[in-house]
Amino acid sequence: MPQFYPIFMDLKDQSVLVVGGGNVALRKVQTLLSNGAVVRIVSPKVLPELRTLIDERTCYWLEKEYSSEDIGEACLVFSCTENEDVNQRVSLDAKTQHRPVNVVDDPEKCSFIVPSIMEQGDLKIAVSTGGSSPIVARQIRQELEMLYGSEMKEYLSLLKTWRSKVKTSLPPEKRGFFWDRITDGEVRKLIQGDRLSEAEGVIKQCFLSLLD
């Protein structure tokens, strides 16, 4: 089993190839589009739900069998078919052209795998078992969802709004103290208790005290 290097990738306006038109391809395309990718689907047939995503702007459908030239300029390649021969060809072609490739449920044919993702606003935690057990990865993700709830979205959004102000207004020696103070747990607990205005007050008070 290969060892995989974890990485988060910006797919905004990047070309991604998805080979296949079934349920797995549908889920991949939905996720890719939500992250700003431009998706090309290659498959003789696609599900009706997948067809609704095709807009000839961010999502295209090539109604054909896969061929090597379909990789084109894709920065990522996904093979989501149930045909072992097709999956093998996609994997070999992508690797020959030095393009990262994922063959669903077949780590040996992959040069990258997709982790189980826990997401709350700007918080994204990727969980992977290296292809050993996707079920265990999902279980760990579910445990993380219990630890980091919906408050994280508001919490991180609030911290983001203060980043530029702190950087421009506080000297370096005071910035560390500021971030240590407002991330010590109190602000997050206030948000968990639906006391957002109080959370904002704690941050503002800390900031003003450091301006002196």
Protein backbone atom coordinates (compact mmCIF):
# COMPACT_ATOMS: atom_id res chain seq x y z
CA MET A 1 0.00 0.00 0.00
CA PRO A 2 1.49 3.40 -0.96
CA GLN A 3 2.01 6.20 1.53
CA PHE A 4 -0.01 9.32 0.76
CA TYR A 5 1.04 12.90 1.49
CA PRO A 6 -1.86 15.00 2.90
CA ILE A 7 -2.58 18.24 1.09
CA PHE A 8 -5.38 20.78 0.58
CA MET A 9 -5.66 22.02 -3.00
CA ASP A 10 -7.21 25.15 -4.53
CA LEU A 11 -9.37 23.98 -7.45
CA LYS A 12 -10.88 27.35 -8.34
CA ASP A 13 -11.26 27.44 -12.16
CA GLN A 14 -9.04 24.36 -12.51
CA SER A 15 -9.90 21.63 -15.03
CA VAL A 16 -10.78 18.24 -13.52
CA LEU A 17 -11.67 15.07 -15.42
CA VAL A 18 -14.27 12.61 -14.11
CA VAL A 19 -14.62 9.32 -15.99
CA GLY A 20 -17.98 7.68 -15.33
CA GLY A 21 -21.59 8.75 -15.04
CA GLY A 22 -23.05 6.84 -12.09
CA ASN A 23 -23.72 7.59 -8.44
CA VAL A 24 -20.04 7.78 -7.46
CA ALA A 25 -19.34 10.19 -10.32
CA LEU A 26 -22.35 12.27 -9.23
CA ARG A 27 -20.96 12.70 -5.72
CA LYS A 28 -17.50 13.55 -7.05
CA VAL A 29 -18.84 16.14 -9.48
CA GLN A 30 -21.02 17.77 -6.82
CA THR A 31 -18.07 18.13 -4.47
CA LEU A 32 -15.73 19.37 -7.20
CA LEU A 33 -18.20 22.00 -8.39
CA SER A 34 -18.79 23.20 -4.83
CA ASN A 35 -15.04 23.82 -4.63
CA GLY A 36 -14.91 25.87 -7.82
CA ALA A 37 -13.51 23.32 -10.26
CA VAL A 38 -14.35 23.16 -13.97
CA VAL A 39 -15.42 19.56 -14.50
CA ARG A 40 -15.38 17.47 -17.67
CA ILE A 41 -17.33 14.21 -17.51
CA VAL A 42 -16.52 11.42 -19.94
CA SER A 43 -19.12 8.66 -20.13
CA PRO A 44 -21.50 7.15 -22.71
CA LYS A 45 -24.34 7.67 -20.23
CA VAL A 46 -24.93 9.76 -17.11
CA LEU A 47 -27.56 9.70 -14.38
CA PRO A 48 -30.42 12.22 -14.75
CA GLU A 49 -29.22 13.91 -11.53
CA LEU A 50 -25.77 14.32 -13.03
CA ARG A 51 -27.20 15.65 -16.26
CA THR A 52 -28.82 18.54 -14.36
CA LEU A 53 -25.34 19.75 -13.32
CA ILE A 54 -24.11 20.07 -16.90
CA ASP A 55 -24.19 23.74 -17.87
CA GLU A 56 -21.42 23.94 -20.53
CA ARG A 57 -19.72 26.53 -18.37
CA THR A 58 -18.41 24.84 -15.24
CA CYS A 59 -19.53 21.30 -16.07
CA TYR A 60 -19.25 19.60 -19.45
CA TRP A 61 -20.24 16.15 -20.68
CA LEU A 62 -18.39 14.25 -23.40
CA GLU A 63 -20.90 11.56 -24.41
CA LYS A 64 -18.37 8.88 -25.36
CA GLU A 65 -16.17 6.07 -24.16
CA TYR A 66 -12.95 7.13 -22.43
CA SER A 67 -9.81 7.61 -24.53
CA SER A 68 -6.31 8.75 -23.56
CA GLU A 69 -6.61 12.22 -25.06
CA ASP A 70 -9.51 13.00 -22.69
CA ILE A 71 -7.05 13.78 -19.92
CA GLY A 72 -6.14 16.98 -21.76
CA GLU A 73 -5.16 19.74 -19.34
CA ALA A 74 -6.86 18.21 -16.30
CA CYS A 75 -5.00 18.90 -13.07
CA LEU A 76 -6.82 16.00 -11.37
CA VAL A 77 -8.31 12.82 -12.80
CA PHE A 78 -11.03 10.65 -11.23
CA SER A 79 -12.10 7.27 -12.56
CA CYS A 80 -15.48 6.26 -11.19
CA THR A 81 -16.47 3.36 -13.42
CA GLU A 82 -17.20 -0.27 -12.56
CA ASN A 83 -15.13 -1.41 -15.53
CA GLU A 84 -11.70 -2.60 -14.37
CA ASP A 85 -10.16 -2.22 -17.82
CA VAL A 86 -11.29 1.39 -18.10
CA ASN A 87 -10.09 2.18 -14.60
CA GLN A 88 -6.71 0.63 -15.37
CA ARG A 89 -6.33 2.64 -18.59
CA VAL A 90 -7.29 5.89 -16.88
CA SER A 91 -4.78 5.21 -14.10
CA LEU A 92 -1.93 4.39 -16.49
CA ASP A 93 -2.67 7.31 -18.83
CA ALA A 94 -2.83 9.81 -15.99
CA LYS A 95 0.37 8.58 -14.40
CA THR A 96 2.14 8.60 -17.76
CA GLN A 97 1.14 12.23 -18.21
CA HIS A 98 2.10 13.04 -14.60
CA ARG A 99 -1.46 13.90 -13.54
CA PRO A 100 -2.72 12.94 -10.08
CA VAL A 101 -5.34 10.19 -10.44
CA ASN A 102 -7.91 8.65 -8.13
CA VAL A 103 -9.61 5.36 -8.96
CA VAL A 104 -12.50 4.95 -6.56
CA ASP A 105 -12.12 2.08 -4.07
CA ASP A 106 -8.83 0.95 -5.61
CA PRO A 107 -5.87 2.54 -3.78
CA GLU A 108 -3.34 0.54 -5.77
CA LYS A 109 -4.35 2.40 -8.95
CA CYS A 110 -4.35 5.81 -7.24
CA SER A 111 -1.66 8.45 -6.98
CA PHE A 112 -3.92 10.29 -4.51
CA ILE A 113 -6.90 9.32 -2.37
CA VAL A 114 -9.80 11.43 -1.11
CA PRO A 115 -10.11 11.55 2.69
CA SER A 116 -13.28 11.66 4.72
CA ILE A 117 -13.94 15.35 5.39
CA MET A 118 -15.42 16.97 8.48
CA GLU A 119 -16.40 20.54 7.64
CA GLN A 120 -17.76 23.42 9.68
CA GLY A 121 -17.37 26.75 7.89
CA ASP A 122 -13.66 27.41 7.41
CA LEU A 123 -12.76 24.37 9.50
CA LYS A 124 -11.92 21.31 7.43
CA ILE A 125 -10.45 18.18 8.98
CA ALA A 126 -9.41 15.43 6.61
CA VAL A 127 -9.34 11.86 7.91
CA SER A 128 -7.61 9.05 6.06
CA THR A 129 -6.64 5.48 6.86
CA GLY A 130 -4.44 5.30 3.76
CA GLY A 131 -7.03 3.22 1.97
CA SER A 132 -7.04 0.53 4.68
CA SER A 133 -10.60 1.16 5.85
CA PRO A 134 -12.83 3.97 4.54
CA ILE A 135 -15.46 2.90 7.09
CA VAL A 136 -13.10 3.62 9.99
CA ALA A 137 -12.25 6.99 8.43
CA ARG A 138 -15.96 7.85 8.35
CA GLN A 139 -16.39 6.74 11.96
CA ILE A 140 -13.54 9.00 13.09
CA ARG A 141 -15.03 11.87 11.09
CA GLN A 142 -18.34 11.37 12.90
CA GLU A 143 -16.55 11.47 16.25
CA LEU A 144 -14.86 14.74 15.23
CA GLU A 145 -18.25 16.19 14.28
CA MET A 146 -19.32 15.65 17.88
CA LEU A 147 -16.21 17.44 19.18
CA TYR A 148 -16.37 20.37 16.76
CA GLY A 149 -19.96 21.45 16.27
CA SER A 150 -21.74 24.15 14.33
CA GLU A 151 -20.30 26.84 16.62
CA MET A 152 -16.98 26.49 14.80
CA LYS A 153 -18.36 28.21 11.70
CA GLU A 154 -19.27 31.38 13.63
CA TYR A 155 -16.18 31.14 15.81
CA LEU A 156 -13.72 31.05 12.92
CA SER A 157 -15.65 33.69 11.01
CA LEU A 158 -15.36 36.00 14.02
CA LEU A 159 -11.63 35.37 14.39
CA LYS A 160 -11.12 36.06 10.69
CA THR A 161 -12.73 39.50 10.97
CA TRP A 162 -10.14 40.50 13.57
CA ARG A 163 -7.03 39.27 11.78
CA SER A 164 -6.25 42.35 9.69
CA LYS A 165 -7.16 44.77 12.48
CA VAL A 166 -4.86 43.01 14.94
CA LYS A 167 -2.05 42.83 12.40
CA THR A 168 -2.18 46.53 11.61
CA SER A 169 -2.91 47.86 15.11
CA LEU A 170 -0.94 45.72 17.54
CA PRO A 171 2.84 45.29 17.73
CA PRO A 172 4.16 41.72 17.25
CA GLU A 173 4.80 41.18 20.96
CA LYS A 174 1.13 41.85 21.77
CA ARG A 175 -0.44 39.87 18.92
CA GLY A 176 0.51 36.53 20.45
CA PHE A 177 -1.07 37.49 23.75
CA PHE A 178 -4.25 38.59 21.95
CA TRP A 179 -4.64 35.33 20.03
CA ASP A 180 -3.82 33.22 23.08
CA ARG A 181 -6.48 35.05 25.07
CA ILE A 182 -9.34 34.88 22.59
CA THR A 183 -8.67 31.23 21.68
CA ASP A 184 -8.43 29.99 25.28
CA GLY A 185 -11.93 28.52 25.10
CA GLU A 186 -14.12 31.27 26.54
CA VAL A 187 -15.15 32.83 23.22
CA ARG A 188 -16.02 29.48 21.69
CA LYS A 189 -18.10 28.47 24.73
CA LEU A 190 -20.04 31.72 24.56
CA ILE A 191 -20.83 31.07 20.90
CA GLN A 192 -21.88 27.51 21.76
CA GLY A 193 -24.35 29.05 24.22
CA ASP A 194 -25.77 31.40 21.57
CA ARG A 195 -24.15 34.39 23.28
CA LEU A 196 -22.45 35.84 20.22
CA SER A 197 -22.59 39.47 21.34
CA GLU A 198 -20.83 38.54 24.59
CA ALA A 199 -18.19 36.64 22.62
CA GLU A 200 -17.62 39.71 20.45
CA GLY A 201 -17.38 41.80 23.63
CA VAL A 202 -14.62 39.61 25.07
CA ILE A 203 -12.60 39.99 21.88
CA LYS A 204 -13.13 43.75 21.70
CA GLN A 205 -12.21 44.23 25.35
CA CYS A 206 -9.02 42.25 24.92
CA PHE A 207 -8.09 44.24 21.83
CA LEU A 208 -8.71 47.64 23.47
CA SER A 209 -6.72 46.67 26.56
CA LEU A 210 -3.70 45.96 24.37
CA LEU A 211 -3.89 49.31 22.57
CA ASP A 212 -2.76 51.15 25.70
